[in-house]
Amino acid sequence: MPGLKILVDSLEQIEPLNQEARAAILSADCVVRSYAAGRYVLRENDRADFIGIAIEGFAFSHKQTSSGSRQILSLILPGEALALENIYLNQLDCSIQALTTFSVGLIHRDAMKRFMMLHPTIANGISTMLAYRSSIYKEWMLNIGRRNAKERVGHLLCEIAVRLTGGNTTADRSFKFPLTQEQIGDALGLTAAHVNRAMKSLRNEGLLIREKTLFRLPEWDALCVLADFNDEYLTNE
C-alpha cells in the first residue's frame, strides 16, 4: 500500500524503525481515496476519525469566517502527513481541500494510537512531525504579521521550493505548483491585487520568472535576503 510505505519512509527520516514497528504500520488498514480539484477531503467539525498521507497531488487546509472569508493555514505536498492532530482531537478543527487531483491514504486514528503505545519510535516520529508542523505555522504567523506583501510572497515561494525539492533545488530553483494569485493571497492575508503587484515587482527585480504553474527563482540568495528566508525551520536537525 503506497500510503503506508510513504509513512514508514517519513518516520525513518526521523528515527530508524525496528522490524516490529515497520511491520505494524505496513499491515495497517489504509483506504486510498482520490479527490478532484476543489473537493473536500475532510471538513471542519466532522468526526476526527482518520489521519492521512498525501500520495499524489496537492491540497491545503483552511478555515473560514462566518462571512465566508477564507484563510489558508497550510499547504499539503506529496509524501506529507495530514490531519495528524486527529490522533488527539475528537472533532476536526479545520477543513482540508484538494488543490489538484489529490490521492490520499487514510488510516484510522485508533490504529495510530495503538502503534504509538506499542512502539516508542513511532510515537517519537509522530511527535516530531507535529513539532515540524508547528514550526511552519509559527513562521507563517511571522510572515503574515510582520512582513510586507513582496516579502510574504517571496518567503512563501522560497518555502515551497525547499519543501518540494528537499532542499535539492536546481540551479535556477524551478518548481511546478498550481497556486493562483487568489490562493496565494488567502495563504498570506493579501488580496489578489496585492499579490499581483508583489509578483510583478519580484519579476522586475529579476527574482521571479513565472510561466503558468512553473516558478523559477533565478537569484536565490537575493530572494532569500529580500524575504528574510532561512530554511532551518523546515529541517528536523
Protein backbone atom coordinates (compact mmCIF):
# COMPACT_ATOMS: atom_id res chain seq x y z
CA MET A 1 0.00 0.00 0.00
CA PRO A 2 1.72 3.23 -1.16
CA GLY A 3 0.41 5.42 1.67
CA LEU A 4 1.79 3.10 4.34
CA LYS A 5 5.20 2.87 2.65
CA ILE A 6 5.33 6.68 2.46
CA LEU A 7 4.52 6.91 6.18
CA VAL A 8 7.26 4.40 7.05
CA ASP A 9 9.78 6.32 4.93
CA SER A 10 8.78 9.62 6.57
CA LEU A 11 9.14 8.18 10.07
CA GLU A 12 12.51 6.64 9.25
CA GLN A 13 13.84 10.02 8.14
CA ILE A 14 13.40 10.98 11.79
CA GLU A 15 14.49 7.76 13.52
CA PRO A 16 15.03 4.20 12.21
CA LEU A 17 12.12 1.85 12.97
CA ASN A 18 12.73 -1.67 14.19
CA GLN A 19 11.27 -4.58 12.27
CA GLU A 20 8.21 -4.87 14.52
CA ALA A 21 7.30 -1.18 14.23
CA ARG A 22 7.75 -1.21 10.46
CA ALA A 23 5.64 -4.36 10.10
CA ALA A 24 2.88 -2.90 12.30
CA ILE A 25 2.43 0.13 10.06
CA LEU A 26 2.68 -1.82 6.81
CA SER A 27 -0.04 -4.21 8.00
CA ALA A 28 -2.49 -1.43 8.92
CA ASP A 29 -5.78 -0.91 7.13
CA CYS A 30 -5.32 2.00 4.74
CA VAL A 31 -8.07 3.30 2.48
CA VAL A 32 -6.84 5.15 -0.61
CA ARG A 33 -9.19 7.81 -1.94
CA SER A 34 -8.88 10.26 -4.81
CA TYR A 35 -10.44 13.71 -4.99
CA ALA A 36 -10.91 16.10 -7.87
CA ALA A 37 -9.51 19.62 -7.55
CA GLY A 38 -11.71 21.68 -5.25
CA ARG A 39 -13.32 18.71 -3.49
CA TYR A 40 -13.18 18.47 0.29
CA VAL A 41 -11.05 15.70 1.76
CA LEU A 42 -12.09 16.47 5.34
CA ARG A 43 -14.43 19.14 6.69
CA GLU A 44 -14.20 21.25 9.82
CA ASN A 45 -16.33 19.91 12.71
CA ASP A 46 -16.55 16.41 11.23
CA ARG A 47 -15.51 13.47 13.40
CA ALA A 48 -11.73 13.23 13.60
CA ASP A 49 -11.52 9.54 12.68
CA PHE A 50 -8.58 9.48 10.26
CA ILE A 51 -5.10 10.77 9.64
CA GLY A 52 -3.84 10.88 6.07
CA ILE A 53 -0.73 10.50 3.92
CA ALA A 54 -0.64 12.51 0.70
CA ILE A 55 0.22 10.11 -2.12
CA GLU A 56 -0.15 12.28 -5.21
CA GLY A 57 -1.22 15.85 -5.91
CA PHE A 58 -1.60 18.88 -3.66
CA ALA A 59 -4.08 20.01 -1.01
CA PHE A 60 -4.44 22.73 1.60
CA SER A 61 -6.05 23.22 4.99
CA HIS A 62 -8.17 26.27 5.72
CA LYS A 63 -10.73 27.93 7.96
CA GLN A 64 -13.46 30.41 7.09
CA THR A 65 -15.03 33.30 8.93
CA SER A 66 -18.80 33.45 9.39
CA SER A 67 -18.90 35.88 6.45
CA GLY A 68 -17.13 33.39 4.18
CA SER A 69 -13.61 34.85 4.08
CA ARG A 70 -11.04 32.07 3.79
CA GLN A 71 -7.63 31.75 5.40
CA ILE A 72 -5.35 29.02 4.04
CA LEU A 73 -3.48 27.56 7.02
CA SER A 74 -1.09 25.12 5.36
CA LEU A 75 -0.10 23.55 2.07
CA ILE A 76 0.00 19.75 1.83
CA LEU A 77 2.56 18.32 -0.58
CA PRO A 78 3.05 14.74 -1.84
CA GLY A 79 4.57 12.50 0.80
CA GLU A 80 3.43 14.65 3.72
CA ALA A 81 1.11 13.63 6.54
CA LEU A 82 -2.14 15.48 7.08
CA ALA A 83 -4.55 15.82 9.99
CA LEU A 84 -2.08 14.28 12.47
CA GLU A 85 -3.80 16.23 15.24
CA ASN A 86 -6.80 13.94 14.72
CA ILE A 87 -4.93 11.39 16.83
CA TYR A 88 -5.78 13.60 19.80
CA LEU A 89 -8.90 15.54 18.74
CA ASN A 90 -12.46 14.26 18.56
CA GLN A 91 -13.57 16.87 16.03
CA LEU A 92 -11.79 18.37 13.02
CA ASP A 93 -10.61 21.93 13.71
CA CYS A 94 -10.16 22.91 10.04
CA SER A 95 -11.08 21.74 6.54
CA ILE A 96 -8.76 20.09 4.02
CA GLN A 97 -9.46 20.66 0.34
CA ALA A 98 -7.83 19.29 -2.81
CA LEU A 99 -5.84 21.87 -4.77
CA THR A 100 -5.30 19.49 -7.69
CA THR A 101 -6.41 15.92 -8.31
CA PHE A 102 -5.38 14.51 -4.95
CA SER A 103 -4.80 10.95 -3.77
CA VAL A 104 -4.55 10.23 -0.05
CA GLY A 105 -4.15 7.16 2.15
CA LEU A 106 -6.40 7.31 5.22
CA ILE A 107 -5.52 5.41 8.40
CA HIS A 108 -7.87 5.20 11.38
CA ARG A 109 -6.63 7.19 14.34
CA ASP A 110 -7.24 4.29 16.75
CA ALA A 111 -4.70 2.22 14.81
CA MET A 112 -2.14 5.02 15.05
CA LYS A 113 -2.78 5.41 18.78
CA ARG A 114 -2.17 1.69 19.23
CA PHE A 115 1.06 1.79 17.21
CA MET A 116 2.30 4.76 19.24
CA MET A 117 1.60 2.99 22.54
CA LEU A 118 3.38 -0.19 21.46
CA HIS A 119 6.32 1.33 19.57
CA PRO A 120 8.17 4.33 21.06
CA THR A 121 9.94 5.09 17.76
CA ILE A 122 6.57 5.58 16.05
CA ALA A 123 5.39 7.82 18.89
CA ASN A 124 8.59 9.87 18.65
CA GLY A 125 8.24 10.16 14.88
CA ILE A 126 4.63 11.37 15.03
CA SER A 127 5.51 13.86 17.79
CA THR A 128 8.40 15.17 15.68
CA MET A 129 6.12 15.56 12.66
CA LEU A 130 3.71 17.59 14.78
CA ALA A 131 6.58 19.75 16.05
CA TYR A 132 7.73 20.27 12.45
CA ARG A 133 4.22 21.39 11.51
CA SER A 134 4.20 23.76 14.48
CA SER A 135 7.46 25.34 13.27
CA ILE A 136 5.91 26.03 9.88
CA TYR A 137 2.78 27.53 11.47
CA LYS A 138 4.94 29.87 13.57
CA GLU A 139 6.88 31.02 10.51
CA TRP A 140 3.63 31.61 8.61
CA MET A 141 2.33 33.71 11.50
CA LEU A 142 5.50 35.80 11.47
CA ASN A 143 5.31 36.12 7.69
CA ILE A 144 1.72 37.37 7.74
CA GLY A 145 2.13 39.60 10.78
CA ARG A 146 5.47 41.29 10.22
CA ARG A 147 6.47 41.23 6.53
CA ASN A 148 5.24 43.38 3.65
CA ALA A 149 3.45 41.93 0.63
CA LYS A 150 6.55 41.38 -1.51
CA GLU A 151 8.43 39.76 1.37
CA ARG A 152 5.47 37.48 2.16
CA VAL A 153 5.17 36.27 -1.43
CA GLY A 154 8.92 35.76 -1.72
CA HIS A 155 9.07 33.86 1.56
CA LEU A 156 6.24 31.53 0.55
CA LEU A 157 7.89 30.79 -2.81
CA CYS A 158 11.19 30.00 -1.08
CA GLU A 159 9.44 27.66 1.35
CA ILE A 160 7.60 25.79 -1.41
CA ALA A 161 10.84 25.40 -3.39
CA VAL A 162 12.63 23.84 -0.41
CA ARG A 163 9.73 21.59 0.59
CA LEU A 164 9.14 20.29 -2.94
CA THR A 165 12.79 19.51 -3.58
CA GLY A 166 14.02 18.59 -0.11
CA GLY A 167 16.49 21.45 -0.46
CA ASN A 168 17.99 19.95 -3.64
CA THR A 169 16.82 22.76 -5.86
CA THR A 170 18.11 23.13 -9.41
CA ALA A 171 20.45 25.91 -10.45
CA ASP A 172 17.56 28.26 -11.23
CA ARG A 173 15.41 26.99 -8.33
CA SER A 174 12.49 25.95 -10.53
CA PHE A 175 9.40 24.05 -9.44
CA LYS A 176 5.82 23.47 -10.52
CA PHE A 177 3.00 24.42 -8.19
CA PRO A 178 -0.62 25.20 -9.16
CA LEU A 179 -1.36 28.16 -6.88
CA THR A 180 -3.46 31.01 -8.23
CA GLN A 181 -2.90 34.59 -7.10
CA GLU A 182 -6.15 34.41 -5.13
CA GLN A 183 -4.96 31.29 -3.30
CA ILE A 184 -1.57 32.85 -2.58
CA GLY A 185 -3.46 35.82 -1.16
CA ASP A 186 -5.61 33.57 1.03
CA ALA A 187 -2.43 32.00 2.42
CA LEU A 188 -0.76 35.35 3.08
CA GLY A 189 -3.61 37.61 4.17
CA LEU A 190 -3.43 39.62 0.94
CA THR A 191 -5.83 40.48 -1.85
CA ALA A 192 -5.19 39.07 -5.31
CA ALA A 193 -4.34 42.62 -6.43
CA HIS A 194 -1.63 42.91 -3.76
CA VAL A 195 -0.22 39.52 -4.79
CA ASN A 196 -0.20 40.59 -8.43
CA ARG A 197 1.74 43.77 -7.62
CA ALA A 198 4.18 41.89 -5.40
CA MET A 199 4.88 39.26 -8.06
CA LYS A 200 5.29 41.95 -10.72
CA SER A 201 7.86 43.68 -8.51
CA LEU A 202 9.73 40.39 -7.98
CA ARG A 203 9.75 39.80 -11.74
CA ASN A 204 11.01 43.32 -12.44
CA GLU A 205 13.87 42.77 -9.99
CA GLY A 206 14.83 39.52 -11.72
CA LEU A 207 13.90 37.39 -8.70
CA LEU A 208 10.94 35.53 -10.22
CA ILE A 209 10.02 34.06 -13.59
CA ARG A 210 6.55 32.53 -13.79
CA GLU A 211 5.11 30.54 -16.68
CA LYS A 212 1.63 29.34 -15.66
CA THR A 213 2.35 26.76 -12.91
CA LEU A 214 6.14 26.85 -13.39
CA PHE A 215 8.02 29.11 -10.99
CA ARG A 216 11.71 29.95 -11.45
CA LEU A 217 13.73 31.70 -8.76
CA PRO A 218 16.93 32.59 -10.64
CA GLU A 219 18.50 34.79 -7.94
CA TRP A 220 18.02 32.52 -4.94
CA ASP A 221 20.37 34.21 -2.49
CA ALA A 222 19.00 37.66 -3.29
CA LEU A 223 15.40 36.44 -2.88
CA CYS A 224 16.23 34.83 0.47
CA VAL A 225 17.70 38.12 1.69
CA LEU A 226 14.72 40.14 0.49
CA ALA A 227 12.19 37.71 2.00
CA ASP A 228 14.16 37.16 5.23
CA PHE A 229 14.08 33.43 4.45
CA ASN A 230 16.08 30.87 6.40
CA ASP A 231 15.18 27.21 5.85
CA GLU A 232 16.21 26.00 9.32
CA TYR A 233 12.55 25.74 10.39
CA LEU A 234 11.99 23.21 7.59
CA THR A 235 14.54 20.71 8.89
CA ASN A 236 14.43 18.23 11.74
CA GLU A 237 18.11 18.63 12.54
